PDB file of N, CA and C in Angstrom:
ATOM      1  N   MET A   1      -4.600   6.116 -21.990  1.00  0.00           N
ATOM      2  CA  MET A   1      -4.361   5.770 -20.802  1.00  0.00           C
ATOM      3  C   MET A   1      -4.217   7.298 -19.495  1.00  0.00           C
ATOM      4  N   ALA A   2      -4.805   7.470 -18.745  1.00  0.00           N
ATOM      5  CA  ALA A   2      -3.826   8.933 -17.899  1.00  0.00           C
ATOM      6  C   ALA A   2      -3.340   8.276 -16.588  1.00  0.00           C
ATOM      7  N   LEU A   3      -2.121   8.808 -16.253  1.00  0.00           N
ATOM      8  CA  LEU A   3      -1.292   8.050 -15.241  1.00  0.00           C
ATOM      9  C   LEU A   3      -1.130   9.565 -13.854  1.00  0.00           C
ATOM     10  N   GLN A   4      -1.387   8.847 -12.753  1.00  0.00           N
ATOM     11  CA  GLN A   4      -1.586  10.045 -11.897  1.00  0.00           C
ATOM     12  C   GLN A   4      -0.527  10.126 -10.403  1.00  0.00           C
ATOM     13  N   HIS A   5       0.434  10.719 -10.445  1.00  0.00           N
ATOM     14  CA  HIS A   5       1.377  10.889  -9.685  1.00  0.00           C
ATOM     15  C   HIS A   5       0.803  11.230  -8.231  1.00  0.00           C
ATOM     16  N   ASN A   6       1.353  10.336  -7.455  1.00  0.00           N
ATOM     17  CA  ASN A   6       1.063  10.451  -6.051  1.00  0.00           C
ATOM     18  C   ASN A   6       1.898  10.481  -4.986  1.00  0.00           C
ATOM     19  N   THR A   7       1.839  11.893  -4.113  1.00  0.00           N
ATOM     20  CA  THR A   7       2.994  11.425  -3.093  1.00  0.00           C
ATOM     21  C   THR A   7       2.405  11.720  -1.515  1.00  0.00           C
ATOM     22  N   TYR A   8       2.997  11.026  -0.619  1.00  0.00           N
ATOM     23  CA  TYR A   8       2.051  11.378   0.495  1.00  0.00           C
ATOM     24  C   TYR A   8       3.312  11.358   1.645  1.00  0.00           C
ATOM     25  N   PHE A   9       3.180  11.928   2.954  1.00  0.00           N
ATOM     26  CA  PHE A   9       4.365  11.908   3.746  1.00  0.00           C
ATOM     27  C   PHE A   9       5.566  12.429   3.495  1.00  0.00           C
ATOM     28  N   GLU A  10       5.359  13.633   2.817  1.00  0.00           N
ATOM     29  CA  GLU A  10       6.242  14.403   2.725  1.00  0.00           C
ATOM     30  C   GLU A  10       7.374  13.798   1.576  1.00  0.00           C
ATOM     31  N   ASP A  11       6.590  13.049   0.521  1.00  0.00           N
ATOM     32  CA  ASP A  11       7.646  12.457  -0.161  1.00  0.00           C
ATOM     33  C   ASP A  11       8.114  10.984   0.113  1.00  0.00           C
ATOM     34  N   GLY A  12       7.873  10.527   1.238  1.00  0.00           N
ATOM     35  CA  GLY A  12       8.761   9.124   1.862  1.00  0.00           C
ATOM     36  C   GLY A  12       7.584   7.964   1.237  1.00  0.00           C
ATOM     37  N   VAL A  13       6.541   8.224   0.794  1.00  0.00           N
ATOM     38  CA  VAL A  13       5.508   7.241  -0.291  1.00  0.00           C
ATOM     39  C   VAL A  13       5.034   8.205  -1.603  1.00  0.00           C
ATOM     40  N   GLN A  14       5.544   7.635  -2.454  1.00  0.00           N
ATOM     41  CA  GLN A  14       5.192   7.864  -4.003  1.00  0.00           C
ATOM     42  C   GLN A  14       4.557   6.769  -4.884  1.00  0.00           C
ATOM     43  N   SER A  15       3.337   7.090  -5.599  1.00  0.00           N
ATOM     44  CA  SER A  15       2.677   5.627  -6.634  1.00  0.00           C
ATOM     45  C   SER A  15       2.539   7.107  -7.879  1.00  0.00           C
ATOM     46  N   ILE A  16       2.250   5.772  -8.524  1.00  0.00           N
ATOM     47  CA  ILE A  16       1.601   6.058  -9.863  1.00  0.00           C
ATOM     48  C   ILE A  16       0.178   5.350 -10.097  1.00  0.00           C
ATOM     49  N   GLY A  17      -0.754   5.976 -10.253  1.00  0.00           N
ATOM     50  CA  GLY A  17      -1.939   5.130 -10.070  1.00  0.00           C
ATOM     51  C   GLY A  17      -2.507   5.370 -11.995  1.00  0.00           C
ATOM     52  N   PHE A  18      -3.366   4.274 -12.075  1.00  0.00           N
ATOM     53  CA  PHE A  18      -3.658   3.579 -13.592  1.00  0.00           C
ATOM     54  C   PHE A  18      -4.699   3.139 -13.544  1.00  0.00           C
ATOM     55  N   GLU A  19      -5.546   2.876 -14.964  1.00  0.00           N
ATOM     56  CA  GLU A  19      -6.236   1.629 -14.928  1.00  0.00           C
ATOM     57  C   GLU A  19      -6.441   1.020 -16.437  1.00  0.00           C
ATOM     58  N   ARG A  20      -6.584  -0.416 -15.973  1.00  0.00           N
ATOM     59  CA  ARG A  20      -6.715  -1.037 -16.930  1.00  0.00           C
ATOM     60  C   ARG A  20      -7.616  -1.690 -17.025  1.00  0.00           C
ATOM     61  N   ASP A  21      -8.290  -2.261 -18.152  1.00  0.00           N
ATOM     62  CA  ASP A  21      -9.278  -3.033 -18.333  1.00  0.00           C
ATOM     63  C   ASP A  21     -10.446  -2.756 -17.068  1.00  0.00           C
ATOM     64  N   GLY A  22     -10.235  -1.308 -16.773  1.00  0.00           N
ATOM     65  CA  GLY A  22     -11.838  -0.952 -16.238  1.00  0.00           C
ATOM     66  C   GLY A  22     -10.984  -1.340 -14.738  1.00  0.00           C
ATOM     67  N   GLU A  23      -9.844  -2.136 -14.387  1.00  0.00           N
ATOM     68  CA  GLU A  23      -9.446  -1.957 -12.878  1.00  0.00           C
ATOM     69  C   GLU A  23      -8.843  -0.984 -12.067  1.00  0.00           C
ATOM     70  N   ARG A  24      -8.746  -0.416 -11.104  1.00  0.00           N
ATOM     71  CA  ARG A  24      -7.939   0.977 -11.038  1.00  0.00           C
ATOM     72  C   ARG A  24      -6.864   0.005  -9.864  1.00  0.00           C
ATOM     73  N   LEU A  25      -5.504   0.649 -10.558  1.00  0.00           N
ATOM     74  CA  LEU A  25      -4.734   0.139  -9.544  1.00  0.00           C
ATOM     75  C   LEU A  25      -2.993   1.086  -9.524  1.00  0.00           C
ATOM     76  N   SER A  26      -2.333   1.353  -8.483  1.00  0.00           N
ATOM     77  CA  SER A  26      -1.147   1.795  -8.571  1.00  0.00           C
ATOM     78  C   SER A  26      -0.378   0.887  -8.211  1.00  0.00           C
ATOM     79  N   VAL A  27       0.743   1.499  -8.618  1.00  0.00           N
ATOM     80  CA  VAL A  27       2.612   1.069  -8.034  1.00  0.00           C
ATOM     81  C   VAL A  27       3.233   2.161  -7.486  1.00  0.00           C
ATOM     82  N   GLY A  28       3.703   1.797  -6.287  1.00  0.00           N
ATOM     83  CA  GLY A  28       4.562   2.764  -5.779  1.00  0.00           C
ATOM     84  C   GLY A  28       5.698   2.175  -4.708  1.00  0.00           C
ATOM     85  N   VAL A  29       6.516   3.041  -4.601  1.00  0.00           N
ATOM     86  CA  VAL A  29       7.702   3.112  -3.418  1.00  0.00           C
ATOM     87  C   VAL A  29       7.556   3.783  -2.181  1.00  0.00           C
ATOM     88  N   MET A  30       7.687   2.853  -1.317  1.00  0.00           N
ATOM     89  CA  MET A  30       7.584   3.241   0.652  1.00  0.00           C
ATOM     90  C   MET A  30       8.826   3.813   0.467  1.00  0.00           C
ATOM     91  N   ASP A  31       9.586   4.839   1.426  1.00  0.00           N
ATOM     92  CA  ASP A  31      10.705   4.641   2.213  1.00  0.00           C
ATOM     93  C   ASP A  31      10.735   4.233   3.476  1.00  0.00           C
ATOM     94  N   ALA A  32      12.085   3.980   3.993  1.00  0.00           N
ATOM     95  CA  ALA A  32      11.719   3.378   5.443  1.00  0.00           C
ATOM     96  C   ALA A  32      10.566   4.743   6.427  1.00  0.00           C
ATOM     97  N   GLY A  33       9.984   4.261   7.344  1.00  0.00           N
ATOM     98  CA  GLY A  33       9.760   5.161   8.184  1.00  0.00           C
ATOM     99  C   GLY A  33       8.186   4.163   8.672  1.00  0.00           C
ATOM    100  N   VAL A  34       7.172   4.816   9.323  1.00  0.00           N
ATOM    101  CA  VAL A  34       5.754   4.319  10.163  1.00  0.00           C
ATOM    102  C   VAL A  34       4.919   5.274   9.257  1.00  0.00           C
ATOM    103  N   PHE A  35       3.939   4.858   8.832  1.00  0.00           N
ATOM    104  CA  PHE A  35       2.863   5.584   7.945  1.00  0.00           C
ATOM    105  C   PHE A  35       1.411   4.859   8.260  1.00  0.00           C
ATOM    106  N   HIS A  36       0.595   5.894   7.949  1.00  0.00           N
ATOM    107  CA  HIS A  36      -0.845   5.523   8.413  1.00  0.00           C
ATOM    108  C   HIS A  36      -1.663   5.756   7.166  1.00  0.00           C
ATOM    109  N   PHE A  37      -2.307   4.668   6.584  1.00  0.00           N
ATOM    110  CA  PHE A  37      -3.280   5.087   4.990  1.00  0.00           C
ATOM    111  C   PHE A  37      -4.992   4.581   5.739  1.00  0.00           C
ATOM    112  N   GLY A  38      -5.411   5.502   5.477  1.00  0.00           N
ATOM    113  CA  GLY A  38      -6.881   5.160   5.552  1.00  0.00           C
ATOM    114  C   GLY A  38      -7.475   4.700   4.361  1.00  0.00           C
ATOM    115  N   THR A  39      -8.612   4.235   3.891  1.00  0.00           N
ATOM    116  CA  THR A  39      -9.203   3.028   2.747  1.00  0.00           C
ATOM    117  C   THR A  39     -10.225   4.256   2.883  1.00  0.00           C
ATOM    118  N   ASP A  40     -11.075   4.279   1.260  1.00  0.00           N
ATOM    119  CA  ASP A  40     -11.952   4.623   1.130  1.00  0.00           C
ATOM    120  C   ASP A  40     -12.995   3.318   0.520  1.00  0.00           C
ATOM    121  N   SER A  41     -12.303   2.774  -0.886  1.00  0.00           N
ATOM    122  CA  SER A  41     -12.549   1.261  -0.798  1.00  0.00           C
ATOM    123  C   SER A  41     -11.843   0.025  -0.827  1.00  0.00           C
ATOM    124  N   ALA A  42     -12.239  -0.960  -0.750  1.00  0.00           N
ATOM    125  CA  ALA A  42     -11.580  -2.095  -0.505  1.00  0.00           C
ATOM    126  C   ALA A  42     -10.284  -2.359  -0.958  1.00  0.00           C
ATOM    127  N   GLU A  43      -8.767  -2.975  -0.615  1.00  0.00           N
ATOM    128  CA  GLU A  43      -7.711  -3.006  -1.449  1.00  0.00           C
ATOM    129  C   GLU A  43      -6.929  -3.945  -1.111  1.00  0.00           C
ATOM    130  N   ARG A  44      -6.056  -4.710  -2.433  1.00  0.00           N
ATOM    131  CA  ARG A  44      -5.356  -5.481  -2.042  1.00  0.00           C
ATOM    132  C   ARG A  44      -3.856  -4.864  -2.393  1.00  0.00           C
ATOM    133  N   MET A  45      -2.851  -5.030  -1.296  1.00  0.00           N
ATOM    134  CA  MET A  45      -1.603  -4.535  -1.253  1.00  0.00           C
ATOM    135  C   MET A  45      -0.464  -6.063  -1.587  1.00  0.00           C
ATOM    136  N   THR A  46       0.399  -5.881  -2.297  1.00  0.00           N
ATOM    137  CA  THR A  46       1.310  -7.084  -2.775  1.00  0.00           C
ATOM    138  C   THR A  46       2.435  -6.117  -2.625  1.00  0.00           C
ATOM    139  N   VAL A  47       3.419  -7.140  -2.300  1.00  0.00           N
ATOM    140  CA  VAL A  47       4.842  -6.524  -2.067  1.00  0.00           C
ATOM    141  C   VAL A  47       5.357  -7.223  -3.302  1.00  0.00           C
ATOM    142  N   VAL A  48       6.236  -6.057  -3.733  1.00  0.00           N
ATOM    143  CA  VAL A  48       7.075  -6.212  -5.113  1.00  0.00           C
ATOM    144  C   VAL A  48       8.351  -6.608  -4.432  1.00  0.00           C
ATOM    145  N   SER A  49       9.177  -5.665  -3.743  1.00  0.00           N
ATOM    146  CA  SER A  49      10.605  -5.705  -3.224  1.00  0.00           C
ATOM    147  C   SER A  49      10.290  -5.078  -1.992  1.00  0.00           C
ATOM    148  N   GLY A  50      11.684  -5.904  -1.326  1.00  0.00           N
ATOM    149  CA  GLY A  50      10.988  -5.346   0.681  1.00  0.00           C
ATOM    150  C   GLY A  50      10.281  -6.513   1.371  1.00  0.00           C
ATOM    151  N   GLU A  51      10.125  -5.366   2.403  1.00  0.00           N
ATOM    152  CA  GLU A  51       8.852  -5.733   2.870  1.00  0.00           C
ATOM    153  C   GLU A  51       8.207  -4.753   3.899  1.00  0.00           C
ATOM    154  N   LEU A  52       6.989  -5.584   4.189  1.00  0.00           N
ATOM    155  CA  LEU A  52       6.115  -4.402   4.993  1.00  0.00           C
ATOM    156  C   LEU A  52       5.780  -4.973   6.038  1.00  0.00           C
ATOM    157  N   LEU A  53       5.612  -4.185   7.114  1.00  0.00           N
ATOM    158  CA  LEU A  53       4.938  -4.888   8.591  1.00  0.00           C
ATOM    159  C   LEU A  53       3.459  -4.201   8.558  1.00  0.00           C
ATOM    160  N   VAL A  54       2.384  -4.882   9.096  1.00  0.00           N
ATOM    161  CA  VAL A  54       1.090  -4.379   8.548  1.00  0.00           C
ATOM    162  C   VAL A  54       0.434  -4.871   9.946  1.00  0.00           C
ATOM    163  N   ARG A  55      -0.310  -3.387  10.391  1.00  0.00           N
ATOM    164  CA  ARG A  55      -1.125  -3.441  11.172  1.00  0.00           C
ATOM    165  C   ARG A  55      -2.771  -3.151  11.199  1.00  0.00           C
ATOM    166  N   LEU A  56      -3.671  -3.706  10.525  1.00  0.00           N
ATOM    167  CA  LEU A  56      -4.954  -3.417  10.423  1.00  0.00           C
ATOM    168  C   LEU A  56      -5.892  -2.447  11.239  1.00  0.00           C
ATOM    169  N   ASP A  57      -6.449  -1.760  11.025  1.00  0.00           N
ATOM    170  CA  ASP A  57      -7.507  -0.863  12.150  1.00  0.00           C
ATOM    171  C   ASP A  57      -8.284  -1.994  13.048  1.00  0.00           C
ATOM    172  N   GLY A  58      -8.224  -1.560  14.257  1.00  0.00           N
ATOM    173  CA  GLY A  58      -9.052  -2.605  15.213  1.00  0.00           C
ATOM    174  C   GLY A  58      -8.262  -3.673  15.427  1.00  0.00           C
ATOM    175  N   SER A  59      -6.914  -3.996  14.923  1.00  0.00           N
ATOM    176  CA  SER A  59      -5.993  -5.260  15.200  1.00  0.00           C
ATOM    177  C   SER A  59      -5.122  -4.662  16.346  1.00  0.00           C
ATOM    178  N   GLU A  60      -4.257  -5.562  17.336  1.00  0.00           N
ATOM    179  CA  GLU A  60      -3.210  -5.351  17.910  1.00  0.00           C
ATOM    180  C   GLU A  60      -2.168  -5.988  17.293  1.00  0.00           C
ATOM    181  N   GLN A  61      -2.330  -6.730  16.366  1.00  0.00           N
ATOM    182  CA  GLN A  61      -1.204  -7.550  15.926  1.00  0.00           C
ATOM    183  C   GLN A  61      -0.457  -6.824  14.696  1.00  0.00           C
ATOM    184  N   TRP A  62       0.977  -7.014  14.461  1.00  0.00           N
ATOM    185  CA  TRP A  62       1.580  -6.706  13.255  1.00  0.00           C
ATOM    186  C   TRP A  62       2.305  -8.280  12.774  1.00  0.00           C
ATOM    187  N   GLN A  63       1.453  -8.071  11.197  1.00  0.00           N
ATOM    188  CA  GLN A  63       1.948  -9.459  10.569  1.00  0.00           C
ATOM    189  C   GLN A  63       2.953  -8.763   9.464  1.00  0.00           C
ATOM    190  N   SER A  64       3.820  -9.394   9.072  1.00  0.00           N
ATOM    191  CA  SER A  64       5.107  -9.231   7.939  1.00  0.00           C
ATOM    192  C   SER A  64       4.507  -9.771   6.431  1.00  0.00           C
ATOM    193  N   PHE A  65       4.870  -9.110   5.512  1.00  0.00           N
ATOM    194  CA  PHE A  65       4.626  -9.494   4.366  1.00  0.00           C
ATOM    195  C   PHE A  65       5.699  -9.130   3.375  1.00  0.00           C
ATOM    196  N   GLY A  66       6.303 -10.143   2.655  1.00  0.00           N
ATOM    197  CA  GLY A  66       7.281 -10.053   2.179  1.00  0.00           C
ATOM    198  C   GLY A  66       7.257 -10.131   0.629  1.00  0.00           C
ATOM    199  N   VAL A  67       8.318 -10.475  -0.233  1.00  0.00           N
ATOM    200  CA  VAL A  67       8.241 -10.100  -1.706  1.00  0.00           C
ATOM    201  C   VAL A  67       6.899 -11.318  -2.256  1.00  0.00           C
ATOM    202  N   ASN A  68       5.730 -10.793  -2.710  1.00  0.00           N
ATOM    203  CA  ASN A  68       4.925 -11.509  -3.959  1.00  0.00           C
ATOM    204  C   ASN A  68       3.770 -12.030  -2.612  1.00  0.00           C
ATOM    205  N   SER A  69       3.833 -11.309  -1.597  1.00  0.00           N
ATOM    206  CA  SER A  69       2.911 -11.603  -0.129  1.00  0.00           C
ATOM    207  C   SER A  69       1.617 -10.534  -0.382  1.00  0.00           C
ATOM    208  N   SER A  70       0.660 -10.890  -0.182  1.00  0.00           N
ATOM    209  CA  SER A  70      -0.495  -9.895  -0.072  1.00  0.00           C
ATOM    210  C   SER A  70      -0.984  -9.964   1.053  1.00  0.00           C
ATOM    211  N   PHE A  71      -1.945  -8.316   1.410  1.00  0.00           N
ATOM    212  CA  PHE A  71      -3.042  -9.074   2.487  1.00  0.00           C
ATOM    213  C   PHE A  71      -4.060  -7.643   1.856  1.00  0.00           C
ATOM    214  N   GLU A  72      -5.423  -7.592   2.530  1.00  0.00           N
ATOM    215  CA  GLU A  72      -6.807  -7.257   1.842  1.00  0.00           C
ATOM    216  C   GLU A  72      -6.922  -6.171   2.926  1.00  0.00           C
ATOM    217  N   VAL A  73      -7.477  -5.107   2.456  1.00  0.00           N
ATOM    218  CA  VAL A  73      -7.915  -3.876   3.682  1.00  0.00           C
ATOM    219  C   VAL A  73      -9.284  -3.911   3.133  1.00  0.00           C
ATOM    220  N   LEU A  74     -10.377  -4.025   4.154  1.00  0.00           N
ATOM    221  CA  LEU A  74     -11.639  -3.209   4.087  1.00  0.00           C
ATOM    222  C   LEU A  74     -11.654  -1.787   3.928  1.00  0.00           C
ATOM    223  N   GLY A  75     -13.098  -1.813   3.216  1.00  0.00           N
ATOM    224  CA  GLY A  75     -13.157   0.254   2.897  1.00  0.00           C
ATOM    225  C   GLY A  75     -13.250   0.838   3.868  1.00  0.00           C
ATOM    226  N   SER A  76     -13.536   1.935   3.882  1.00  0.00           N
ATOM    227  CA  SER A  76     -13.863   2.706   5.100  1.00  0.00           C
ATOM    228  C   SER A  76     -13.456   2.483   6.622  1.00  0.00           C
ATOM    229  N   SER A  77     -11.855   1.853   6.083  1.00  0.00           N
ATOM    230  CA  SER A  77     -10.966   1.067   7.019  1.00  0.00           C
ATOM    231  C   SER A  77      -9.371   1.791   7.073  1.00  0.00           C
ATOM    232  N   GLY A  78      -8.609   1.204   7.427  1.00  0.00           N
ATOM    233  CA  GLY A  78      -7.214   1.489   7.449  1.00  0.00           C
ATOM    234  C   GLY A  78      -6.269   0.633   7.714  1.00  0.00           C
ATOM    235  N   PHE A  79      -5.103   0.949   7.866  1.00  0.00           N
ATOM    236  CA  PHE A  79      -3.992   0.040   8.146  1.00  0.00           C
ATOM    237  C   PHE A  79      -2.486   1.000   8.625  1.00  0.00           C
ATOM    238  N   ASP A  80      -1.910   0.344   9.456  1.00  0.00           N
ATOM    239  CA  ASP A  80      -0.558   0.767  10.064  1.00  0.00           C
ATOM    240  C   ASP A  80       0.747   0.189   9.254  1.00  0.00           C
ATOM    241  N   LEU A  81       1.511   1.167   8.647  1.00  0.00           N
ATOM    242  CA  LEU A  81       2.955   0.449   7.909  1.00  0.00           C
ATOM    243  C   LEU A  81       4.257   0.542   8.720  1.00  0.00           C
ATOM    244  N   LYS A  82       4.929  -0.220   9.076  1.00  0.00           N
ATOM    245  CA  LYS A  82       6.191   0.003   9.596  1.00  0.00           C
ATOM    246  C   LYS A  82       7.438  -0.305   8.185  1.00  0.00           C
ATOM    247  N   VAL A  83       7.854   0.716   7.724  1.00  0.00           N
ATOM    248  CA  VAL A  83       9.056   0.183   6.604  1.00  0.00           C
ATOM    249  C   VAL A  83      10.076   0.099   6.804  1.00  0.00           C
ATOM    250  N   ALA A  84      11.310  -0.675   7.306  1.00  0.00           N
ATOM    251  CA  ALA A  84      12.529  -0.612   7.396  1.00  0.00           C
ATOM    252  C   ALA A  84      13.513  -0.181   6.223  1.00  0.00           C
ATOM    253  N   ALA A  85      13.197  -0.652   5.417  1.00  0.00           N
ATOM    254  CA  ALA A  85      13.960   0.045   3.553  1.00  0.00           C
ATOM    255  C   ALA A  85      13.221   0.189   2.862  1.00  0.00           C
ATOM    256  N   PRO A  86      13.625   1.039   1.623  1.00  0.00           N
ATOM    257  CA  PRO A  86      12.780   1.397   0.509  1.00  0.00           C
ATOM    258  C   PRO A  86      12.053  -0.311  -0.108  1.00  0.00           C
ATOM    259  N   THR A  87      10.620   0.081  -0.160  1.00  0.00           N
ATOM    260  CA  THR A  87       9.655  -1.529  -0.439  1.00  0.00           C
ATOM    261  C   THR A  87       9.048  -0.807  -1.397  1.00  0.00           C
ATOM    262  N   ALA A  88       8.959  -1.578  -2.452  1.00  0.00           N
ATOM    263  CA  ALA A  88       7.620  -1.461  -3.733  1.00  0.00           C
ATOM    264  C   ALA A  88       6.645  -2.456  -3.595  1.00  0.00           C
ATOM    265  N   TYR A  89       5.538  -1.521  -4.268  1.00  0.00           N
ATOM    266  CA  TYR A  89       4.453  -2.366  -3.723  1.00  0.00           C
ATOM    267  C   TYR A  89       3.308  -2.620  -5.056  1.00  0.00           C
ATOM    268  N   LEU A  90       2.521  -3.218  -4.860  1.00  0.00           N
ATOM    269  CA  LEU A  90       1.158  -2.803  -6.506  1.00  0.00           C
ATOM    270  C   LEU A  90      -0.246  -3.070  -5.111  1.00  0.00           C
ATOM    271  N   CYS A  91      -0.873  -2.495  -5.625  1.00  0.00           N
ATOM    272  CA  CYS A  91      -2.384  -1.807  -4.662  1.00  0.00           C
ATOM    273  C   CYS A  91      -3.217  -2.020  -5.981  1.00  0.00           C
ATOM    274  N   GLU A  92      -4.437  -3.035  -5.820  1.00  0.00           N
ATOM    275  CA  GLU A  92      -5.414  -3.247  -6.537  1.00  0.00           C
ATOM    276  C   GLU A  92      -6.479  -2.681  -5.426  1.00  0.00           C
ATOM    277  N   TYR A  93      -7.588  -1.556  -6.227  1.00  0.00           N
ATOM    278  CA  TYR A  93      -8.664  -1.107  -5.830  1.00  0.00           C
ATOM    279  C   TYR A  93     -10.174  -2.446  -6.027  1.00  0.00           C
ATOM    280  N   LEU A  94     -10.229  -3.108  -5.035  1.00  0.00           N
ATOM    281  CA  LEU A  94     -11.415  -3.971  -5.096  1.00  0.00           C
ATOM    282  C   LEU A  94     -12.737  -3.240  -5.377  1.00  0.00           C
TER     283      LEU A  94
END
């Protein structure tokens, strides 16, 4: 198994990508900030520690997700995040 270290937004977001049983995943940590991510494929994000405020592309509404809560994003789409304090997450590529 190969691990892939990724950094985004001047090291404000860091993740490690891997595959398990044919499934692509990444785990990571976001520092405080506001970020926009685009998606190639659909994703499910689960908060492991902390809290994310999320606004999906095309939506005006921000939603809060805390520990053990998840949200899904369509492929070829995107989402905005507001992070008040360092937050850990799991991303599953669907």
